[in-house]
Amino acid sequence: MSKDGRKGFSLVEVVLALGICAFVLVALLGLFSTGLRAGRESEEQVQAANLASQILATRVAAAGDTNLPSFAIPAAALTNGFADIYPSGGGLVGLDGRTNSTPTYRIICRAGTNSETGPRIARVYLMLSWPYQAALSNAAGRYEVSSYVTLY
């Protein structure tokens, strides 16, 4: 109550309430941007996992075929010693899998047989990093998968 008996808020109470509201809004905006960044990183990780899965599935489905999409693992690479190979000779793949589109991922692939797997099974290791311009040590994201392919 004021001195003359009327009810109301003082200037101090209004400023304090506005300060608390501003603090809460700033905290909420910080959480919102963190959530957006985490969602974007998750989406990139899922896209890389899908592309790696597609590369492996294409190779498994067409065991001896050499006329595969440009991003597939060459059949000849599977029967060599376990070594680095680059799909399509470049190692850069666009999101849609075509090497003539804007590259999205840098792919490192190691494939081949060794004494552990024997001559009938090839071990395949894929590592996708993004963005493709970044060096591996500075990549924003990275996805790795290792699998085995039966040779016919």
N, C-alpha and C. Protein backbone atom coordinates (compact mmCIF):
# COMPACT_ATOMS: atom_id res chain seq x y z
N MET A 1 0.83 -1.19 0.00
CA MET A 1 0.00 0.00 0.00
C MET A 1 0.87 1.25 0.00
N SER A 2 0.44 2.20 -0.72
CA SER A 2 1.16 3.47 -0.75
C SER A 2 0.76 4.31 0.45
N LYS A 3 1.40 5.47 0.60
CA LYS A 3 1.14 6.33 1.74
C LYS A 3 -0.30 6.83 1.77
N ASP A 4 -0.88 7.03 0.61
CA ASP A 4 -2.25 7.56 0.60
C ASP A 4 -3.30 6.46 0.62
N GLY A 5 -2.90 5.17 0.80
CA GLY A 5 -3.86 4.08 0.97
C GLY A 5 -4.22 3.34 -0.30
N ARG A 6 -3.66 3.72 -1.46
CA ARG A 6 -3.98 2.99 -2.68
C ARG A 6 -3.05 1.80 -2.84
N LYS A 7 -3.60 0.71 -3.43
CA LYS A 7 -2.81 -0.48 -3.69
C LYS A 7 -2.15 -0.35 -5.06
N GLY A 8 -0.91 -0.96 -5.23
CA GLY A 8 -0.21 -0.91 -6.52
C GLY A 8 1.20 -1.45 -6.37
N PHE A 9 1.90 -1.47 -7.50
CA PHE A 9 3.28 -1.95 -7.51
C PHE A 9 4.22 -0.75 -7.50
N SER A 10 5.31 -0.92 -6.78
CA SER A 10 6.31 0.14 -6.78
C SER A 10 7.22 -0.07 -8.00
N LEU A 11 7.98 0.93 -8.31
CA LEU A 11 8.89 0.87 -9.44
C LEU A 11 9.94 -0.22 -9.22
N VAL A 12 10.39 -0.42 -8.02
CA VAL A 12 11.37 -1.45 -7.69
C VAL A 12 10.80 -2.84 -7.99
N GLU A 13 9.57 -3.08 -7.62
CA GLU A 13 8.93 -4.38 -7.88
C GLU A 13 8.78 -4.65 -9.37
N VAL A 14 8.44 -3.64 -10.14
CA VAL A 14 8.28 -3.80 -11.58
C VAL A 14 9.63 -4.09 -12.24
N VAL A 15 10.67 -3.36 -11.85
CA VAL A 15 12.01 -3.58 -12.42
C VAL A 15 12.52 -4.97 -12.06
N LEU A 16 12.29 -5.40 -10.82
CA LEU A 16 12.71 -6.74 -10.39
C LEU A 16 11.98 -7.82 -11.20
N ALA A 17 10.69 -7.68 -11.42
CA ALA A 17 9.92 -8.65 -12.20
C ALA A 17 10.41 -8.69 -13.65
N LEU A 18 10.67 -7.52 -14.24
CA LEU A 18 11.20 -7.48 -15.60
C LEU A 18 12.58 -8.13 -15.69
N GLY A 19 13.41 -7.93 -14.70
CA GLY A 19 14.74 -8.55 -14.67
C GLY A 19 14.66 -10.06 -14.61
N ILE A 20 13.76 -10.59 -13.80
CA ILE A 20 13.58 -12.05 -13.72
C ILE A 20 13.07 -12.60 -15.04
N CYS A 21 12.10 -11.92 -15.66
CA CYS A 21 11.58 -12.37 -16.96
C CYS A 21 12.67 -12.35 -18.02
N ALA A 22 13.50 -11.32 -18.06
CA ALA A 22 14.58 -11.24 -19.04
C ALA A 22 15.58 -12.38 -18.83
N PHE A 23 15.92 -12.68 -17.59
CA PHE A 23 16.85 -13.77 -17.29
C PHE A 23 16.29 -15.10 -17.78
N VAL A 24 15.02 -15.37 -17.54
CA VAL A 24 14.38 -16.61 -17.97
C VAL A 24 14.35 -16.70 -19.50
N LEU A 25 14.03 -15.60 -20.18
CA LEU A 25 13.99 -15.61 -21.65
C LEU A 25 15.37 -15.87 -22.26
N VAL A 26 16.40 -15.29 -21.69
CA VAL A 26 17.76 -15.52 -22.20
C VAL A 26 18.14 -16.99 -22.01
N ALA A 27 17.81 -17.57 -20.87
CA ALA A 27 18.10 -18.98 -20.63
C ALA A 27 17.34 -19.88 -21.60
N LEU A 28 16.08 -19.58 -21.87
CA LEU A 28 15.29 -20.38 -22.81
C LEU A 28 15.84 -20.29 -24.23
N LEU A 29 16.27 -19.10 -24.65
CA LEU A 29 16.86 -18.96 -25.98
C LEU A 29 18.16 -19.75 -26.09
N GLY A 30 18.94 -19.79 -25.03
CA GLY A 30 20.17 -20.58 -25.03
C GLY A 30 19.87 -22.06 -25.17
N LEU A 31 18.86 -22.55 -24.49
CA LEU A 31 18.46 -23.95 -24.60
C LEU A 31 17.91 -24.26 -25.99
N PHE A 32 17.20 -23.34 -26.57
CA PHE A 32 16.62 -23.53 -27.90
C PHE A 32 17.73 -23.70 -28.94
N SER A 33 18.75 -22.85 -28.90
CA SER A 33 19.84 -22.96 -29.87
C SER A 33 20.64 -24.25 -29.66
N THR A 34 20.81 -24.68 -28.42
CA THR A 34 21.50 -25.94 -28.14
C THR A 34 20.70 -27.11 -28.70
N GLY A 35 19.40 -27.08 -28.55
CA GLY A 35 18.54 -28.13 -29.09
C GLY A 35 18.58 -28.20 -30.61
N LEU A 36 18.58 -27.04 -31.26
CA LEU A 36 18.68 -27.01 -32.72
C LEU A 36 20.00 -27.58 -33.21
N ARG A 37 21.10 -27.22 -32.54
CA ARG A 37 22.41 -27.74 -32.93
C ARG A 37 22.48 -29.25 -32.74
N ALA A 38 21.95 -29.75 -31.62
CA ALA A 38 21.96 -31.20 -31.37
C ALA A 38 21.10 -31.93 -32.41
N GLY A 39 19.99 -31.35 -32.80
CA GLY A 39 19.14 -31.95 -33.83
C GLY A 39 19.83 -32.01 -35.17
N ARG A 40 20.55 -30.94 -35.54
CA ARG A 40 21.28 -30.90 -36.80
C ARG A 40 22.40 -31.95 -36.81
N GLU A 41 23.13 -32.05 -35.70
CA GLU A 41 24.20 -33.05 -35.61
C GLU A 41 23.64 -34.47 -35.70
N SER A 42 22.51 -34.69 -35.09
CA SER A 42 21.88 -36.00 -35.14
C SER A 42 21.45 -36.33 -36.57
N GLU A 43 20.90 -35.36 -37.27
CA GLU A 43 20.47 -35.57 -38.66
C GLU A 43 21.66 -35.90 -39.55
N GLU A 44 22.77 -35.19 -39.37
CA GLU A 44 23.97 -35.46 -40.16
C GLU A 44 24.50 -36.87 -39.88
N GLN A 45 24.47 -37.28 -38.61
CA GLN A 45 24.94 -38.62 -38.24
C GLN A 45 24.07 -39.70 -38.88
N VAL A 46 22.77 -39.51 -38.89
CA VAL A 46 21.85 -40.48 -39.49
C VAL A 46 22.07 -40.55 -41.01
N GLN A 47 22.25 -39.40 -41.66
CA GLN A 47 22.50 -39.40 -43.11
C GLN A 47 23.80 -40.14 -43.44
N ALA A 48 24.84 -39.93 -42.65
CA ALA A 48 26.10 -40.63 -42.88
C ALA A 48 25.94 -42.13 -42.67
N ALA A 49 25.19 -42.52 -41.63
CA ALA A 49 24.94 -43.95 -41.37
C ALA A 49 24.16 -44.57 -42.52
N ASN A 50 23.19 -43.86 -43.04
CA ASN A 50 22.40 -44.37 -44.17
C ASN A 50 23.26 -44.54 -45.42
N LEU A 51 24.14 -43.57 -45.70
CA LEU A 51 25.00 -43.66 -46.86
C LEU A 51 25.98 -44.82 -46.72
N ALA A 52 26.57 -44.98 -45.54
CA ALA A 52 27.49 -46.10 -45.31
C ALA A 52 26.77 -47.43 -45.47
N SER A 53 25.56 -47.50 -44.95
CA SER A 53 24.76 -48.72 -45.09
C SER A 53 24.45 -48.99 -46.56
N GLN A 54 24.14 -47.95 -47.32
CA GLN A 54 23.84 -48.11 -48.75
C GLN A 54 25.07 -48.57 -49.52
N ILE A 55 26.24 -48.04 -49.18
CA ILE A 55 27.48 -48.46 -49.85
C ILE A 55 27.73 -49.94 -49.59
N LEU A 56 27.62 -50.36 -48.33
CA LEU A 56 27.85 -51.77 -47.99
C LEU A 56 26.79 -52.67 -48.62
N ALA A 57 25.53 -52.27 -48.57
CA ALA A 57 24.45 -53.10 -49.12
C ALA A 57 24.60 -53.26 -50.63
N THR A 58 25.01 -52.20 -51.32
CA THR A 58 25.21 -52.28 -52.77
C THR A 58 26.31 -53.27 -53.09
N ARG A 59 27.38 -53.24 -52.33
CA ARG A 59 28.49 -54.15 -52.57
C ARG A 59 28.09 -55.60 -52.28
N VAL A 60 27.36 -55.83 -51.20
CA VAL A 60 26.93 -57.18 -50.84
C VAL A 60 25.93 -57.72 -51.85
N ALA A 61 25.01 -56.89 -52.31
CA ALA A 61 23.97 -57.34 -53.23
C ALA A 61 24.51 -57.70 -54.61
N ALA A 62 25.58 -57.06 -55.01
CA ALA A 62 26.13 -57.30 -56.34
C ALA A 62 27.56 -57.83 -56.18
N ALA A 63 27.67 -59.06 -55.77
CA ALA A 63 28.97 -59.63 -55.38
C ALA A 63 30.05 -59.47 -56.44
N GLY A 64 29.80 -59.88 -57.68
CA GLY A 64 30.84 -59.81 -58.70
C GLY A 64 30.65 -58.71 -59.70
N ASP A 65 29.60 -57.94 -59.56
CA ASP A 65 29.26 -56.91 -60.54
C ASP A 65 30.26 -55.76 -60.48
N THR A 66 30.74 -55.34 -61.64
CA THR A 66 31.64 -54.18 -61.69
C THR A 66 30.92 -52.93 -62.19
N ASN A 67 29.68 -53.05 -62.65
CA ASN A 67 28.91 -51.91 -63.13
C ASN A 67 28.00 -51.39 -62.03
N LEU A 68 28.60 -50.92 -60.98
CA LEU A 68 27.84 -50.41 -59.83
C LEU A 68 27.83 -48.90 -59.85
N PRO A 69 26.95 -48.29 -59.05
CA PRO A 69 26.97 -46.82 -58.93
C PRO A 69 28.37 -46.34 -58.54
N SER A 70 28.67 -45.13 -58.87
CA SER A 70 30.02 -44.61 -58.71
C SER A 70 30.51 -44.59 -57.26
N PHE A 71 29.62 -44.64 -56.29
CA PHE A 71 30.07 -44.58 -54.90
C PHE A 71 30.29 -45.95 -54.29
N ALA A 72 30.04 -47.02 -55.02
CA ALA A 72 30.15 -48.36 -54.45
C ALA A 72 31.61 -48.80 -54.35
N ILE A 73 31.87 -49.76 -53.49
CA ILE A 73 33.21 -50.30 -53.31
C ILE A 73 33.53 -51.20 -54.50
N PRO A 74 34.65 -50.98 -55.17
CA PRO A 74 35.01 -51.83 -56.32
C PRO A 74 35.19 -53.28 -55.90
N ALA A 75 34.72 -54.20 -56.74
CA ALA A 75 34.83 -55.63 -56.43
C ALA A 75 36.27 -56.07 -56.32
N ALA A 76 37.14 -55.53 -57.16
CA ALA A 76 38.55 -55.92 -57.14
C ALA A 76 39.22 -55.58 -55.81
N ALA A 77 38.76 -54.52 -55.15
CA ALA A 77 39.38 -54.10 -53.90
C ALA A 77 39.14 -55.11 -52.78
N LEU A 78 38.06 -55.87 -52.89
CA LEU A 78 37.73 -56.82 -51.82
C LEU A 78 38.68 -58.01 -51.79
N THR A 79 39.23 -58.35 -52.92
CA THR A 79 40.08 -59.54 -52.99
C THR A 79 41.55 -59.22 -52.79
N ASN A 80 41.91 -57.96 -52.69
CA ASN A 80 43.29 -57.58 -52.44
C ASN A 80 43.58 -57.66 -50.94
N GLY A 81 44.82 -57.40 -50.59
CA GLY A 81 45.16 -57.30 -49.17
C GLY A 81 44.43 -56.13 -48.55
N PHE A 82 44.22 -56.15 -47.26
CA PHE A 82 43.49 -55.11 -46.54
C PHE A 82 44.24 -53.79 -46.69
N ALA A 83 43.70 -52.87 -47.49
CA ALA A 83 44.39 -51.62 -47.79
C ALA A 83 43.37 -50.53 -48.07
N ASP A 84 43.86 -49.30 -48.13
CA ASP A 84 42.99 -48.16 -48.43
C ASP A 84 42.53 -48.23 -49.88
N ILE A 85 41.24 -47.97 -50.09
CA ILE A 85 40.69 -47.80 -51.43
C ILE A 85 39.79 -46.59 -51.40
N TYR A 86 39.53 -46.02 -52.54
CA TYR A 86 38.66 -44.87 -52.63
C TYR A 86 37.58 -45.15 -53.66
N PRO A 87 36.33 -45.25 -53.23
CA PRO A 87 35.25 -45.45 -54.20
C PRO A 87 35.30 -44.37 -55.27
N SER A 88 35.15 -44.75 -56.50
CA SER A 88 35.14 -43.85 -57.66
C SER A 88 36.47 -43.14 -57.86
N GLY A 89 37.49 -43.58 -57.19
CA GLY A 89 38.80 -42.98 -57.38
C GLY A 89 38.99 -41.64 -56.70
N GLY A 90 37.95 -41.07 -56.10
CA GLY A 90 38.10 -39.75 -55.52
C GLY A 90 37.90 -39.68 -54.04
N GLY A 91 37.07 -40.52 -53.50
CA GLY A 91 36.83 -40.49 -52.07
C GLY A 91 35.88 -39.39 -51.63
N LEU A 92 35.33 -38.62 -52.57
CA LEU A 92 34.38 -37.57 -52.22
C LEU A 92 33.02 -37.94 -52.77
N VAL A 93 32.02 -37.92 -51.92
CA VAL A 93 30.69 -38.37 -52.35
C VAL A 93 29.65 -37.35 -51.93
N GLY A 94 28.74 -37.02 -52.86
CA GLY A 94 27.63 -36.14 -52.54
C GLY A 94 26.58 -36.87 -51.75
N LEU A 95 25.67 -36.14 -51.16
CA LEU A 95 24.62 -36.74 -50.33
C LEU A 95 23.78 -37.72 -51.12
N ASP A 96 23.61 -37.46 -52.42
CA ASP A 96 22.80 -38.36 -53.24
C ASP A 96 23.64 -39.50 -53.83
N GLY A 97 24.93 -39.57 -53.47
CA GLY A 97 25.77 -40.66 -53.92
C GLY A 97 26.44 -40.44 -55.26
N ARG A 98 26.17 -39.34 -55.94
CA ARG A 98 26.78 -39.08 -57.24
C ARG A 98 28.04 -38.24 -57.04
N THR A 99 29.12 -38.64 -57.66
CA THR A 99 30.36 -37.90 -57.49
C THR A 99 30.37 -36.58 -58.26
N ASN A 100 29.46 -36.39 -59.20
CA ASN A 100 29.44 -35.13 -59.94
C ASN A 100 28.59 -34.07 -59.24
N SER A 101 27.94 -34.41 -58.14
CA SER A 101 27.19 -33.42 -57.38
C SER A 101 28.13 -32.77 -56.36
N THR A 102 27.64 -31.80 -55.65
CA THR A 102 28.46 -31.14 -54.65
C THR A 102 28.82 -32.14 -53.56
N PRO A 103 30.10 -32.37 -53.32
CA PRO A 103 30.50 -33.37 -52.33
C PRO A 103 30.03 -32.99 -50.92
N THR A 104 29.59 -33.98 -50.19
CA THR A 104 29.14 -33.78 -48.82
C THR A 104 30.06 -34.49 -47.84
N TYR A 105 30.48 -35.68 -48.20
CA TYR A 105 31.28 -36.51 -47.30
C TYR A 105 32.63 -36.84 -47.89
N ARG A 106 33.60 -37.00 -47.03
CA ARG A 106 34.89 -37.57 -47.41
C ARG A 106 34.85 -39.01 -46.92
N ILE A 107 35.16 -39.94 -47.81
CA ILE A 107 35.08 -41.36 -47.46
C ILE A 107 36.47 -41.96 -47.46
N ILE A 108 36.77 -42.66 -46.39
CA ILE A 108 37.97 -43.48 -46.33
C ILE A 108 37.49 -44.91 -46.20
N CYS A 109 37.98 -45.76 -47.07
CA CYS A 109 37.54 -47.15 -47.09
C CYS A 109 38.77 -48.05 -47.09
N ARG A 110 38.74 -49.04 -46.24
CA ARG A 110 39.78 -50.08 -46.24
C ARG A 110 39.05 -51.39 -46.44
N ALA A 111 39.52 -52.18 -47.38
CA ALA A 111 38.85 -53.44 -47.66
C ALA A 111 39.86 -54.45 -48.14
N GLY A 112 39.50 -55.71 -47.97
CA GLY A 112 40.35 -56.78 -48.47
C GLY A 112 40.34 -57.98 -47.54
N THR A 113 41.02 -58.99 -47.99
CA THR A 113 41.15 -60.20 -47.19
C THR A 113 42.46 -60.14 -46.42
N ASN A 114 42.53 -60.90 -45.37
CA ASN A 114 43.78 -61.00 -44.61
C ASN A 114 43.82 -62.36 -43.93
N SER A 115 44.82 -62.60 -43.14
CA SER A 115 44.98 -63.91 -42.51
C SER A 115 43.85 -64.21 -41.53
N GLU A 116 43.24 -63.18 -40.96
CA GLU A 116 42.14 -63.38 -40.02
C GLU A 116 40.86 -63.81 -40.73
N THR A 117 40.57 -63.21 -41.86
CA THR A 117 39.31 -63.49 -42.55
C THR A 117 39.42 -64.65 -43.52
N GLY A 118 40.60 -64.92 -44.04
CA GLY A 118 40.75 -65.96 -45.04
C GLY A 118 40.37 -65.45 -46.42
N PRO A 119 40.48 -66.30 -47.44
CA PRO A 119 40.24 -65.85 -48.82
C PRO A 119 38.76 -65.73 -49.19
N ARG A 120 37.84 -66.22 -48.38
CA ARG A 120 36.41 -66.21 -48.74
C ARG A 120 35.63 -65.05 -48.13
N ILE A 121 36.23 -64.32 -47.22
CA ILE A 121 35.53 -63.21 -46.57
C ILE A 121 36.43 -61.98 -46.61
N ALA A 122 35.85 -60.86 -47.02
CA ALA A 122 36.59 -59.60 -47.04
C ALA A 122 36.11 -58.71 -45.90
N ARG A 123 37.04 -58.11 -45.24
CA ARG A 123 36.71 -57.16 -44.18
C ARG A 123 36.63 -55.78 -44.80
N VAL A 124 35.60 -55.00 -44.46
CA VAL A 124 35.40 -53.67 -45.02
C VAL A 124 35.25 -52.68 -43.86
N TYR A 125 36.02 -51.61 -43.91
CA TYR A 125 35.94 -50.53 -42.93
C TYR A 125 35.64 -49.25 -43.70
N LEU A 126 34.59 -48.55 -43.30
CA LEU A 126 34.22 -47.27 -43.92
C LEU A 126 34.25 -46.18 -42.87
N MET A 127 34.80 -45.04 -43.23
CA MET A 127 34.76 -43.88 -42.35
C MET A 127 34.31 -42.69 -43.19
N LEU A 128 33.21 -42.08 -42.81
CA LEU A 128 32.70 -40.90 -43.49
C LEU A 128 32.91 -39.71 -42.57
N SER A 129 33.44 -38.62 -43.12
CA SER A 129 33.57 -37.40 -42.32
C SER A 129 32.97 -36.24 -43.11
N TRP A 130 32.57 -35.22 -42.41
CA TRP A 130 31.97 -34.06 -43.04
C TRP A 130 32.31 -32.83 -42.24
N PRO A 131 32.34 -31.67 -42.87
CA PRO A 131 32.22 -31.40 -44.30
C PRO A 131 33.45 -31.91 -45.04
N TYR A 132 33.29 -32.12 -46.32
CA TYR A 132 34.36 -32.75 -47.09
C TYR A 132 35.60 -31.86 -47.20
N GLN A 133 35.43 -30.55 -47.06
CA GLN A 133 36.57 -29.64 -47.18
C GLN A 133 37.50 -29.74 -45.97
N ALA A 134 36.97 -30.17 -44.85
CA ALA A 134 37.74 -30.17 -43.60
C ALA A 134 38.73 -31.34 -43.57
N ALA A 135 39.88 -31.09 -42.98
CA ALA A 135 40.81 -32.18 -42.74
C ALA A 135 40.18 -33.11 -41.71
N LEU A 136 40.64 -34.35 -41.69
CA LEU A 136 40.05 -35.34 -40.79
C LEU A 136 40.08 -34.89 -39.35
N SER A 137 41.15 -34.22 -38.94
CA SER A 137 41.27 -33.78 -37.55
C SER A 137 40.32 -32.62 -37.22
N ASN A 138 39.84 -31.89 -38.24
CA ASN A 138 38.95 -30.75 -38.03
C ASN A 138 37.52 -31.02 -38.47
N ALA A 139 37.19 -32.25 -38.77
CA ALA A 139 35.86 -32.57 -39.28
C ALA A 139 34.80 -32.27 -38.22
N ALA A 140 33.66 -31.77 -38.69
CA ALA A 140 32.55 -31.48 -37.77
C ALA A 140 31.89 -32.76 -37.29
N GLY A 141 31.89 -33.77 -38.14
CA GLY A 141 31.27 -35.03 -37.78
C GLY A 141 32.00 -36.19 -38.43
N ARG A 142 31.75 -37.37 -37.87
CA ARG A 142 32.45 -38.55 -38.34
C ARG A 142 31.61 -39.78 -38.02
N TYR A 143 31.56 -40.73 -38.98
CA TYR A 143 30.83 -41.98 -38.77
C TYR A 143 31.71 -43.12 -39.27
N GLU A 144 31.87 -44.14 -38.45
CA GLU A 144 32.70 -45.29 -38.81
C GLU A 144 31.90 -46.57 -38.69
N VAL A 145 32.14 -47.50 -39.62
CA VAL A 145 31.48 -48.80 -39.58
C VAL A 145 32.45 -49.85 -40.13
N SER A 146 32.39 -51.03 -39.55
CA SER A 146 33.21 -52.14 -40.01
C SER A 146 32.29 -53.32 -40.24
N SER A 147 32.52 -54.03 -41.35
CA SER A 147 31.64 -55.16 -41.69
C SER A 147 32.44 -56.20 -42.47
N TYR A 148 31.79 -57.29 -42.78
CA TYR A 148 32.40 -58.36 -43.56
C TYR A 148 31.54 -58.66 -44.77
N VAL A 149 32.18 -58.95 -45.90
CA VAL A 149 31.49 -59.26 -47.15
C VAL A 149 31.96 -60.64 -47.59
N THR A 150 31.00 -61.51 -47.87
CA THR A 150 31.33 -62.85 -48.36
C THR A 150 31.69 -62.77 -49.83
N LEU A 151 32.81 -63.39 -50.19
CA LEU A 151 33.25 -63.39 -51.59
C LEU A 151 32.76 -64.68 -52.24
N TYR A 152 32.28 -64.57 -53.47
CA TYR A 152 31.75 -65.74 -54.18
C TYR A 152 32.73 -66.25 -55.18
